[in-house]
Each structure stands twice: as structure tokens, then as C-alpha cells.
Amino acid sequence: MATTAKTLRMIFSSQAGRTVTLTLDNPRADVTAAEIEAAMDLVIARNIFNSSGGDLVTKQDIKIIDSTTNDLYDPPA
């Protein structure tokens, strides 16, 4: 049986120049890039998350990943 899932990936750069990724499962179907960018701006402005590379300072990328998993075998009970 196949199952599908969507994941939102928001990718930031930290003060140390490292990449920091925040991942959310099952984003709203009608979410827009502008809404996600606004949320990322808020994360940066309010310094909501801490990383080993320091504060998040810039937006780097946004991705919505749509994946399908095919379960081909279930062991007998």
C-alpha cells in the first residue's frame, strides 16, 4: 500500500555561516511562499530558535517535499 506525505523545509543560515533546517510535517495545502517567508522573517526577527552556529540570520531556501512510500512487505503476525 502506498502512502504519501508532504514536508515543509525552511532553510536558514546562522551567524557562523552554517545551514539550519526547520522541518514541519503536513503543511497546509494552500500555503503560499509569501506566508512561509513571512514566518521565516518572524523566526529571525524574534530569535525564536537557537543553533550551535549562533542566531539564525538569513533565509536560504524553502522546499515542500512530496514523498510516496510503498510498503511492499508486511511480516506475518
N, C-alpha and C. Protein backbone atom coordinates (compact mmCIF):
# COMPACT_ATOMS: atom_id res chain seq x y z
N MET A 1 0.85 -1.17 0.00
CA MET A 1 0.00 0.00 0.00
C MET A 1 0.90 1.24 0.00
N ALA A 2 0.54 2.22 -0.78
CA ALA A 2 1.33 3.45 -0.88
C ALA A 2 0.73 4.53 0.03
N THR A 3 1.61 5.26 0.69
CA THR A 3 1.19 6.41 1.49
C THR A 3 1.98 7.63 1.01
N THR A 4 1.34 8.77 1.04
CA THR A 4 2.02 10.00 0.64
C THR A 4 2.10 10.95 1.82
N ALA A 5 3.12 11.77 1.81
CA ALA A 5 3.32 12.76 2.88
C ALA A 5 3.97 14.00 2.30
N LYS A 6 3.65 15.14 2.89
CA LYS A 6 4.30 16.39 2.50
C LYS A 6 5.06 16.94 3.69
N THR A 7 6.20 17.55 3.41
CA THR A 7 7.04 18.14 4.44
C THR A 7 7.48 19.51 3.97
N LEU A 8 7.37 20.48 4.85
CA LEU A 8 7.88 21.83 4.58
C LEU A 8 9.25 21.95 5.20
N ARG A 9 10.24 22.36 4.39
CA ARG A 9 11.60 22.58 4.88
C ARG A 9 11.95 24.05 4.73
N MET A 10 12.24 24.68 5.86
CA MET A 10 12.68 26.07 5.86
C MET A 10 14.16 26.06 6.22
N ILE A 11 14.98 26.59 5.33
CA ILE A 11 16.42 26.51 5.50
C ILE A 11 16.97 27.92 5.73
N PHE A 12 17.74 28.05 6.81
CA PHE A 12 18.31 29.32 7.24
C PHE A 12 19.83 29.22 7.25
N SER A 13 20.48 30.37 7.32
CA SER A 13 21.91 30.44 7.62
C SER A 13 22.07 31.03 9.01
N SER A 14 23.05 30.52 9.76
CA SER A 14 23.31 31.01 11.11
C SER A 14 24.45 32.03 11.09
N GLN A 15 24.69 32.63 12.24
CA GLN A 15 25.79 33.61 12.37
C GLN A 15 27.12 33.01 11.94
N ALA A 16 27.31 31.73 12.21
CA ALA A 16 28.58 31.06 11.88
C ALA A 16 28.62 30.60 10.42
N GLY A 17 27.56 30.91 9.66
CA GLY A 17 27.53 30.50 8.26
C GLY A 17 27.07 29.09 8.05
N ARG A 18 26.57 28.45 9.09
CA ARG A 18 26.08 27.07 8.97
C ARG A 18 24.64 27.06 8.48
N THR A 19 24.26 25.96 7.88
CA THR A 19 22.89 25.77 7.42
C THR A 19 22.07 25.16 8.54
N VAL A 20 20.89 25.74 8.80
CA VAL A 20 19.97 25.23 9.82
C VAL A 20 18.63 24.98 9.14
N THR A 21 18.11 23.78 9.31
CA THR A 21 16.85 23.41 8.66
C THR A 21 15.77 23.17 9.70
N LEU A 22 14.62 23.82 9.51
CA LEU A 22 13.43 23.57 10.32
C LEU A 22 12.45 22.83 9.43
N THR A 23 11.90 21.73 9.94
CA THR A 23 11.02 20.87 9.16
C THR A 23 9.66 20.76 9.83
N LEU A 24 8.61 20.92 9.04
CA LEU A 24 7.24 20.78 9.53
C LEU A 24 6.51 19.76 8.66
N ASP A 25 5.86 18.79 9.29
CA ASP A 25 5.08 17.79 8.56
C ASP A 25 3.71 18.34 8.20
N ASN A 26 3.20 17.90 7.08
CA ASN A 26 1.85 18.19 6.61
C ASN A 26 1.50 19.68 6.59
N PRO A 27 2.23 20.46 5.80
CA PRO A 27 1.88 21.88 5.70
C PRO A 27 0.49 22.04 5.06
N ARG A 28 -0.13 23.15 5.34
CA ARG A 28 -1.44 23.46 4.78
C ARG A 28 -1.36 23.39 3.25
N ALA A 29 -2.35 22.82 2.61
CA ALA A 29 -2.32 22.61 1.16
C ALA A 29 -2.24 23.91 0.37
N ASP A 30 -2.82 24.98 0.91
CA ASP A 30 -2.85 26.24 0.17
C ASP A 30 -1.83 27.26 0.69
N VAL A 31 -0.82 26.81 1.42
CA VAL A 31 0.19 27.73 1.95
C VAL A 31 0.97 28.35 0.79
N THR A 32 1.28 29.64 0.91
CA THR A 32 2.00 30.34 -0.16
C THR A 32 3.44 30.60 0.26
N ALA A 33 4.27 30.85 -0.73
CA ALA A 33 5.67 31.19 -0.46
C ALA A 33 5.75 32.46 0.37
N ALA A 34 4.87 33.42 0.10
CA ALA A 34 4.87 34.67 0.85
C ALA A 34 4.57 34.44 2.33
N GLU A 35 3.65 33.54 2.64
CA GLU A 35 3.33 33.23 4.04
C GLU A 35 4.51 32.56 4.73
N ILE A 36 5.17 31.66 4.03
CA ILE A 36 6.32 30.96 4.61
C ILE A 36 7.47 31.94 4.84
N GLU A 37 7.71 32.81 3.86
CA GLU A 37 8.76 33.81 4.01
C GLU A 37 8.49 34.73 5.19
N ALA A 38 7.23 35.13 5.36
CA ALA A 38 6.86 35.98 6.49
C ALA A 38 7.12 35.25 7.81
N ALA A 39 6.80 33.97 7.87
CA ALA A 39 7.05 33.18 9.08
C ALA A 39 8.55 33.08 9.35
N MET A 40 9.33 32.89 8.30
CA MET A 40 10.79 32.80 8.45
C MET A 40 11.36 34.14 8.93
N ASP A 41 10.84 35.24 8.39
CA ASP A 41 11.28 36.56 8.84
C ASP A 41 10.99 36.75 10.32
N LEU A 42 9.84 36.25 10.77
CA LEU A 42 9.47 36.34 12.18
C LEU A 42 10.40 35.51 13.06
N VAL A 43 10.74 34.32 12.60
CA VAL A 43 11.68 33.46 13.33
C VAL A 43 13.01 34.18 13.51
N ILE A 44 13.48 34.83 12.45
CA ILE A 44 14.76 35.55 12.51
C ILE A 44 14.64 36.78 13.40
N ALA A 45 13.60 37.58 13.21
CA ALA A 45 13.44 38.84 13.94
C ALA A 45 13.29 38.62 15.45
N ARG A 46 12.57 37.58 15.83
CA ARG A 46 12.31 37.32 17.25
C ARG A 46 13.33 36.36 17.87
N ASN A 47 14.27 35.90 17.05
CA ASN A 47 15.31 34.99 17.52
C ASN A 47 14.69 33.80 18.27
N ILE A 48 13.73 33.17 17.62
CA ILE A 48 12.94 32.11 18.26
C ILE A 48 13.74 30.84 18.52
N PHE A 49 14.61 30.46 17.59
CA PHE A 49 15.37 29.22 17.72
C PHE A 49 16.85 29.52 17.90
N ASN A 50 17.50 28.65 18.65
CA ASN A 50 18.92 28.76 18.91
C ASN A 50 19.61 27.60 18.18
N SER A 51 20.78 27.86 17.65
CA SER A 51 21.51 26.77 16.99
C SER A 51 22.95 26.78 17.48
N SER A 52 23.66 25.70 17.23
CA SER A 52 25.06 25.62 17.64
C SER A 52 25.92 26.62 16.88
N GLY A 53 25.42 27.12 15.75
CA GLY A 53 26.14 28.11 14.97
C GLY A 53 25.71 29.53 15.27
N GLY A 54 24.99 29.71 16.37
CA GLY A 54 24.53 31.05 16.74
C GLY A 54 23.12 31.34 16.23
N ASP A 55 22.76 32.61 16.26
CA ASP A 55 21.42 33.03 15.84
C ASP A 55 21.20 32.76 14.36
N LEU A 56 19.93 32.55 13.98
CA LEU A 56 19.58 32.44 12.57
C LEU A 56 19.55 33.85 12.01
N VAL A 57 20.21 34.07 10.88
CA VAL A 57 20.35 35.44 10.38
C VAL A 57 19.77 35.67 8.98
N THR A 58 19.69 34.65 8.15
CA THR A 58 19.13 34.84 6.81
C THR A 58 18.34 33.63 6.36
N LYS A 59 17.39 33.88 5.46
CA LYS A 59 16.65 32.80 4.82
C LYS A 59 17.53 32.29 3.68
N GLN A 60 17.58 30.98 3.54
CA GLN A 60 18.39 30.40 2.49
C GLN A 60 17.54 29.71 1.43
N ASP A 61 16.50 28.98 1.85
CA ASP A 61 15.69 28.24 0.89
C ASP A 61 14.39 27.78 1.54
N ILE A 62 13.40 27.50 0.70
CA ILE A 62 12.13 26.92 1.14
C ILE A 62 11.82 25.78 0.18
N LYS A 63 11.44 24.64 0.75
CA LYS A 63 11.06 23.49 -0.07
C LYS A 63 9.83 22.83 0.54
N ILE A 64 8.93 22.40 -0.34
CA ILE A 64 7.86 21.49 0.08
C ILE A 64 8.15 20.18 -0.63
N ILE A 65 8.37 19.15 0.16
CA ILE A 65 8.74 17.85 -0.37
C ILE A 65 7.53 16.93 -0.30
N ASP A 66 7.20 16.36 -1.42
CA ASP A 66 6.07 15.44 -1.53
C ASP A 66 6.66 14.05 -1.75
N SER A 67 6.43 13.14 -0.79
CA SER A 67 7.02 11.80 -0.91
C SER A 67 5.95 10.71 -0.87
N THR A 68 6.25 9.64 -1.55
CA THR A 68 5.38 8.47 -1.57
C THR A 68 6.17 7.28 -1.05
N THR A 69 5.59 6.56 -0.11
CA THR A 69 6.21 5.36 0.43
C THR A 69 5.38 4.15 0.01
N ASN A 70 6.03 3.18 -0.60
CA ASN A 70 5.37 1.94 -0.99
C ASN A 70 5.80 0.84 -0.05
N ASP A 71 4.87 0.35 0.75
CA ASP A 71 5.15 -0.74 1.67
C ASP A 71 4.93 -2.05 0.92
N LEU A 72 6.01 -2.74 0.63
CA LEU A 72 5.92 -3.93 -0.22
C LEU A 72 5.82 -5.25 0.55
N TYR A 73 6.08 -5.19 1.84
CA TYR A 73 6.06 -6.45 2.59
C TYR A 73 5.67 -6.18 4.03
N ASP A 74 4.74 -6.98 4.53
CA ASP A 74 4.37 -6.96 5.94
C ASP A 74 4.64 -8.36 6.49
N PRO A 75 5.47 -8.48 7.53
CA PRO A 75 5.76 -9.82 8.07
C PRO A 75 4.50 -10.42 8.69
N PRO A 76 4.39 -11.74 8.63
CA PRO A 76 3.22 -12.40 9.22
C PRO A 76 3.19 -12.18 10.74
N ALA A 77 1.99 -12.08 11.26
CA ALA A 77 1.83 -11.87 12.71
C ALA A 77 2.02 -13.12 13.49
